[in-house]
Amino acid sequence: MTSSERRFVEQWREQKSGPRWKYYLLFSIAWSVVSFLVIFFLTKLFTSLWESGGANLIYILVAVSIVSGIASTHISYVNNEKRYKSIMQKEKNGLN
């Protein structure tokens, strides 16, 4: 096992040690905030939606950000779990 794989395994075990809902809650909030900031600044820079969209635009941005945060968290969890299982399988096969 390489040092980067070992570091990933240690960090992933620590992150997923608690209940899955806590992982999803924490990272969904974090990704939602990041998504909101990115979408907000991109719409502010490259569109005139703020003049035509008015106050309702903020609600749309919040909803899109939450959906995007949850989706990002789920994709991240699934990919990390696949990588973890792949490393463990490789390690198991290397011992036999």
N, C-alpha and C. Protein backbone atom coordinates (compact mmCIF):
# COMPACT_ATOMS: atom_id res chain seq x y z
N MET A 1 0.85 -1.17 0.00
CA MET A 1 0.00 0.00 0.00
C MET A 1 0.90 1.24 0.00
N THR A 2 0.61 2.18 -0.88
CA THR A 2 1.41 3.39 -0.96
C THR A 2 1.07 4.31 0.22
N SER A 3 1.92 5.30 0.42
CA SER A 3 1.69 6.22 1.54
C SER A 3 0.42 7.05 1.32
N SER A 4 0.12 7.42 0.08
CA SER A 4 -1.10 8.18 -0.17
C SER A 4 -2.34 7.32 0.07
N GLU A 5 -2.27 6.04 -0.29
CA GLU A 5 -3.38 5.13 -0.02
C GLU A 5 -3.56 4.92 1.49
N ARG A 6 -2.47 4.77 2.19
CA ARG A 6 -2.53 4.59 3.64
C ARG A 6 -3.14 5.83 4.31
N ARG A 7 -2.73 7.01 3.85
CA ARG A 7 -3.27 8.25 4.40
C ARG A 7 -4.77 8.36 4.09
N PHE A 8 -5.16 7.99 2.85
CA PHE A 8 -6.57 8.02 2.49
C PHE A 8 -7.38 7.08 3.37
N VAL A 9 -6.88 5.86 3.58
CA VAL A 9 -7.60 4.86 4.38
C VAL A 9 -7.78 5.37 5.81
N GLU A 10 -6.74 5.93 6.38
CA GLU A 10 -6.84 6.46 7.75
C GLU A 10 -7.86 7.59 7.83
N GLN A 11 -7.79 8.52 6.89
CA GLN A 11 -8.72 9.65 6.91
C GLN A 11 -10.15 9.21 6.64
N TRP A 12 -10.32 8.27 5.71
CA TRP A 12 -11.67 7.83 5.39
C TRP A 12 -12.29 7.06 6.56
N ARG A 13 -11.50 6.22 7.23
CA ARG A 13 -12.01 5.50 8.40
C ARG A 13 -12.46 6.48 9.48
N GLU A 14 -11.67 7.54 9.67
CA GLU A 14 -12.02 8.54 10.68
C GLU A 14 -13.30 9.28 10.28
N GLN A 15 -13.42 9.67 9.02
CA GLN A 15 -14.59 10.42 8.57
C GLN A 15 -15.87 9.60 8.65
N LYS A 16 -15.79 8.34 8.32
CA LYS A 16 -17.01 7.54 8.29
C LYS A 16 -17.22 6.73 9.57
N SER A 17 -16.46 7.04 10.61
CA SER A 17 -16.57 6.28 11.85
C SER A 17 -17.91 6.47 12.54
N GLY A 18 -18.51 7.63 12.39
CA GLY A 18 -19.80 7.90 13.01
C GLY A 18 -20.95 7.48 12.10
N PRO A 19 -22.15 7.88 12.48
CA PRO A 19 -23.31 7.57 11.64
C PRO A 19 -23.22 8.28 10.29
N ARG A 20 -23.78 7.65 9.28
CA ARG A 20 -23.73 8.21 7.93
C ARG A 20 -24.46 9.55 7.84
N TRP A 21 -25.55 9.68 8.60
CA TRP A 21 -26.32 10.92 8.51
C TRP A 21 -25.52 12.13 8.99
N LYS A 22 -24.62 11.91 9.96
CA LYS A 22 -23.78 13.02 10.43
C LYS A 22 -22.80 13.45 9.35
N TYR A 23 -22.24 12.47 8.64
CA TYR A 23 -21.34 12.76 7.52
C TYR A 23 -22.09 13.57 6.47
N TYR A 24 -23.28 13.08 6.10
CA TYR A 24 -24.08 13.76 5.08
C TYR A 24 -24.47 15.16 5.53
N LEU A 25 -24.85 15.32 6.77
CA LEU A 25 -25.26 16.63 7.28
C LEU A 25 -24.10 17.62 7.22
N LEU A 26 -22.97 17.23 7.75
CA LEU A 26 -21.81 18.12 7.80
C LEU A 26 -21.36 18.52 6.40
N PHE A 27 -21.14 17.53 5.54
CA PHE A 27 -20.60 17.84 4.22
C PHE A 27 -21.64 18.45 3.29
N SER A 28 -22.91 18.13 3.48
CA SER A 28 -23.96 18.77 2.66
C SER A 28 -24.03 20.26 2.97
N ILE A 29 -23.93 20.62 4.23
CA ILE A 29 -23.93 22.03 4.59
C ILE A 29 -22.70 22.73 4.00
N ALA A 30 -21.55 22.09 4.15
CA ALA A 30 -20.32 22.70 3.63
C ALA A 30 -20.38 22.88 2.11
N TRP A 31 -20.79 21.83 1.40
CA TRP A 31 -20.86 21.93 -0.06
C TRP A 31 -21.95 22.90 -0.50
N SER A 32 -23.03 23.00 0.26
CA SER A 32 -24.09 23.95 -0.08
C SER A 32 -23.59 25.39 0.02
N VAL A 33 -22.83 25.68 1.06
CA VAL A 33 -22.28 27.02 1.22
C VAL A 33 -21.32 27.34 0.07
N VAL A 34 -20.44 26.40 -0.24
CA VAL A 34 -19.50 26.60 -1.34
C VAL A 34 -20.26 26.80 -2.66
N SER A 35 -21.25 25.95 -2.90
CA SER A 35 -22.05 26.06 -4.13
C SER A 35 -22.76 27.40 -4.21
N PHE A 36 -23.33 27.83 -3.10
CA PHE A 36 -24.03 29.11 -3.08
C PHE A 36 -23.09 30.25 -3.44
N LEU A 37 -21.92 30.26 -2.82
CA LEU A 37 -20.97 31.34 -3.09
C LEU A 37 -20.54 31.35 -4.55
N VAL A 38 -20.25 30.19 -5.09
CA VAL A 38 -19.82 30.11 -6.49
C VAL A 38 -20.94 30.57 -7.41
N ILE A 39 -22.13 30.04 -7.22
CA ILE A 39 -23.26 30.40 -8.08
C ILE A 39 -23.60 31.89 -7.94
N PHE A 40 -23.59 32.38 -6.71
CA PHE A 40 -23.89 33.79 -6.46
C PHE A 40 -22.94 34.71 -7.23
N PHE A 41 -21.64 34.47 -7.07
CA PHE A 41 -20.67 35.35 -7.71
C PHE A 41 -20.66 35.19 -9.23
N LEU A 42 -20.88 33.98 -9.72
CA LEU A 42 -20.94 33.80 -11.17
C LEU A 42 -22.15 34.50 -11.77
N THR A 43 -23.30 34.40 -11.11
CA THR A 43 -24.48 35.10 -11.63
C THR A 43 -24.32 36.61 -11.51
N LYS A 44 -23.65 37.05 -10.48
CA LYS A 44 -23.41 38.48 -10.30
C LYS A 44 -22.46 39.02 -11.37
N LEU A 45 -21.46 38.23 -11.71
CA LEU A 45 -20.46 38.68 -12.69
C LEU A 45 -20.93 38.59 -14.13
N PHE A 46 -21.58 37.49 -14.49
CA PHE A 46 -21.81 37.20 -15.90
C PHE A 46 -23.24 37.34 -16.39
N THR A 47 -24.18 37.67 -15.52
CA THR A 47 -25.57 37.80 -15.98
C THR A 47 -26.20 39.06 -15.39
N SER A 48 -27.33 39.38 -15.94
CA SER A 48 -28.10 40.51 -15.40
C SER A 48 -29.34 40.00 -14.68
N LEU A 49 -29.27 38.77 -14.19
CA LEU A 49 -30.42 38.18 -13.50
C LEU A 49 -30.82 38.94 -12.25
N TRP A 50 -29.87 39.60 -11.63
CA TRP A 50 -30.18 40.30 -10.39
C TRP A 50 -31.11 41.49 -10.63
N GLU A 51 -31.01 42.08 -11.82
CA GLU A 51 -31.92 43.18 -12.14
C GLU A 51 -33.31 42.67 -12.50
N SER A 52 -33.37 41.53 -13.20
CA SER A 52 -34.66 41.01 -13.64
C SER A 52 -35.27 40.00 -12.66
N GLY A 53 -34.42 39.28 -11.92
CA GLY A 53 -34.91 38.22 -11.04
C GLY A 53 -35.44 38.72 -9.72
N GLY A 54 -34.87 39.77 -9.23
CA GLY A 54 -35.34 40.34 -7.97
C GLY A 54 -35.07 39.45 -6.77
N ALA A 55 -35.95 39.57 -5.80
CA ALA A 55 -35.78 38.86 -4.53
C ALA A 55 -35.98 37.35 -4.68
N ASN A 56 -36.75 36.93 -5.66
CA ASN A 56 -36.99 35.49 -5.83
C ASN A 56 -35.75 34.74 -6.28
N LEU A 57 -34.82 35.44 -6.88
CA LEU A 57 -33.59 34.80 -7.36
C LEU A 57 -32.80 34.20 -6.21
N ILE A 58 -32.78 34.84 -5.07
CA ILE A 58 -32.04 34.32 -3.92
C ILE A 58 -32.61 32.99 -3.46
N TYR A 59 -33.93 32.84 -3.51
CA TYR A 59 -34.54 31.56 -3.12
C TYR A 59 -34.17 30.46 -4.09
N ILE A 60 -34.13 30.80 -5.35
CA ILE A 60 -33.72 29.82 -6.37
C ILE A 60 -32.27 29.41 -6.15
N LEU A 61 -31.41 30.40 -5.88
CA LEU A 61 -30.00 30.09 -5.64
C LEU A 61 -29.80 29.20 -4.41
N VAL A 62 -30.54 29.48 -3.37
CA VAL A 62 -30.44 28.67 -2.15
C VAL A 62 -30.88 27.24 -2.44
N ALA A 63 -31.99 27.08 -3.15
CA ALA A 63 -32.49 25.73 -3.47
C ALA A 63 -31.50 24.97 -4.34
N VAL A 64 -30.98 25.63 -5.36
CA VAL A 64 -30.00 24.98 -6.24
C VAL A 64 -28.75 24.62 -5.46
N SER A 65 -28.33 25.49 -4.57
CA SER A 65 -27.14 25.23 -3.76
C SER A 65 -27.32 24.03 -2.83
N ILE A 66 -28.49 23.92 -2.22
CA ILE A 66 -28.76 22.79 -1.33
C ILE A 66 -28.77 21.48 -2.10
N VAL A 67 -29.44 21.47 -3.23
CA VAL A 67 -29.48 20.26 -4.06
C VAL A 67 -28.08 19.90 -4.53
N SER A 68 -27.34 20.90 -4.96
CA SER A 68 -25.97 20.66 -5.41
C SER A 68 -25.08 20.17 -4.27
N GLY A 69 -25.27 20.70 -3.07
CA GLY A 69 -24.48 20.26 -1.91
C GLY A 69 -24.76 18.82 -1.53
N ILE A 70 -26.02 18.45 -1.55
CA ILE A 70 -26.39 17.06 -1.23
C ILE A 70 -25.86 16.11 -2.30
N ALA A 71 -26.00 16.50 -3.56
CA ALA A 71 -25.51 15.65 -4.65
C ALA A 71 -23.99 15.50 -4.58
N SER A 72 -23.28 16.58 -4.32
CA SER A 72 -21.82 16.52 -4.21
C SER A 72 -21.39 15.62 -3.06
N THR A 73 -22.09 15.72 -1.94
CA THR A 73 -21.77 14.89 -0.79
C THR A 73 -22.00 13.41 -1.11
N HIS A 74 -23.10 13.11 -1.75
CA HIS A 74 -23.39 11.72 -2.08
C HIS A 74 -22.36 11.15 -3.05
N ILE A 75 -22.04 11.91 -4.09
CA ILE A 75 -21.04 11.46 -5.07
C ILE A 75 -19.70 11.26 -4.39
N SER A 76 -19.33 12.18 -3.53
CA SER A 76 -18.07 12.08 -2.80
C SER A 76 -18.04 10.84 -1.91
N TYR A 77 -19.12 10.59 -1.19
CA TYR A 77 -19.19 9.43 -0.30
C TYR A 77 -19.07 8.13 -1.09
N VAL A 78 -19.84 8.03 -2.17
CA VAL A 78 -19.83 6.81 -2.99
C VAL A 78 -18.44 6.58 -3.59
N ASN A 79 -17.83 7.62 -4.12
CA ASN A 79 -16.49 7.47 -4.71
C ASN A 79 -15.44 7.11 -3.67
N ASN A 80 -15.50 7.72 -2.51
CA ASN A 80 -14.54 7.39 -1.45
C ASN A 80 -14.73 5.96 -0.96
N GLU A 81 -15.97 5.53 -0.85
CA GLU A 81 -16.23 4.16 -0.40
C GLU A 81 -15.73 3.15 -1.43
N LYS A 82 -15.91 3.43 -2.72
CA LYS A 82 -15.39 2.55 -3.77
C LYS A 82 -13.87 2.48 -3.72
N ARG A 83 -13.25 3.65 -3.54
CA ARG A 83 -11.79 3.68 -3.47
C ARG A 83 -11.29 2.90 -2.25
N TYR A 84 -11.96 3.08 -1.12
CA TYR A 84 -11.60 2.38 0.10
C TYR A 84 -11.70 0.86 -0.09
N LYS A 85 -12.82 0.42 -0.65
CA LYS A 85 -13.00 -1.02 -0.87
C LYS A 85 -11.98 -1.56 -1.86
N SER A 86 -11.66 -0.78 -2.87
CA SER A 86 -10.66 -1.20 -3.85
C SER A 86 -9.28 -1.36 -3.20
N ILE A 87 -8.92 -0.41 -2.36
CA ILE A 87 -7.63 -0.49 -1.66
C ILE A 87 -7.61 -1.68 -0.71
N MET A 88 -8.70 -1.90 0.01
CA MET A 88 -8.77 -3.03 0.95
C MET A 88 -8.70 -4.36 0.19
N GLN A 89 -9.37 -4.43 -0.95
CA GLN A 89 -9.34 -5.66 -1.76
C GLN A 89 -7.93 -5.90 -2.29
N LYS A 90 -7.29 -4.85 -2.75
CA LYS A 90 -5.91 -4.96 -3.25
C LYS A 90 -4.98 -5.42 -2.13
N GLU A 91 -5.18 -4.87 -0.95
CA GLU A 91 -4.36 -5.24 0.20
C GLU A 91 -4.62 -6.71 0.61
N LYS A 92 -5.88 -7.10 0.57
CA LYS A 92 -6.24 -8.47 0.92
C LYS A 92 -5.63 -9.45 -0.09
N ASN A 93 -5.73 -9.14 -1.36
CA ASN A 93 -5.17 -10.01 -2.39
C ASN A 93 -3.64 -10.03 -2.35
N GLY A 94 -3.03 -8.94 -1.92
CA GLY A 94 -1.58 -8.88 -1.80
C GLY A 94 -1.06 -9.72 -0.66
N LEU A 95 -1.88 -9.93 0.38
CA LEU A 95 -1.46 -10.75 1.52
C LEU A 95 -1.57 -12.23 1.22
N ASN A 96 -2.47 -12.62 0.32
CA ASN A 96 -2.68 -14.04 0.00
C ASN A 96 -1.69 -14.53 -1.02
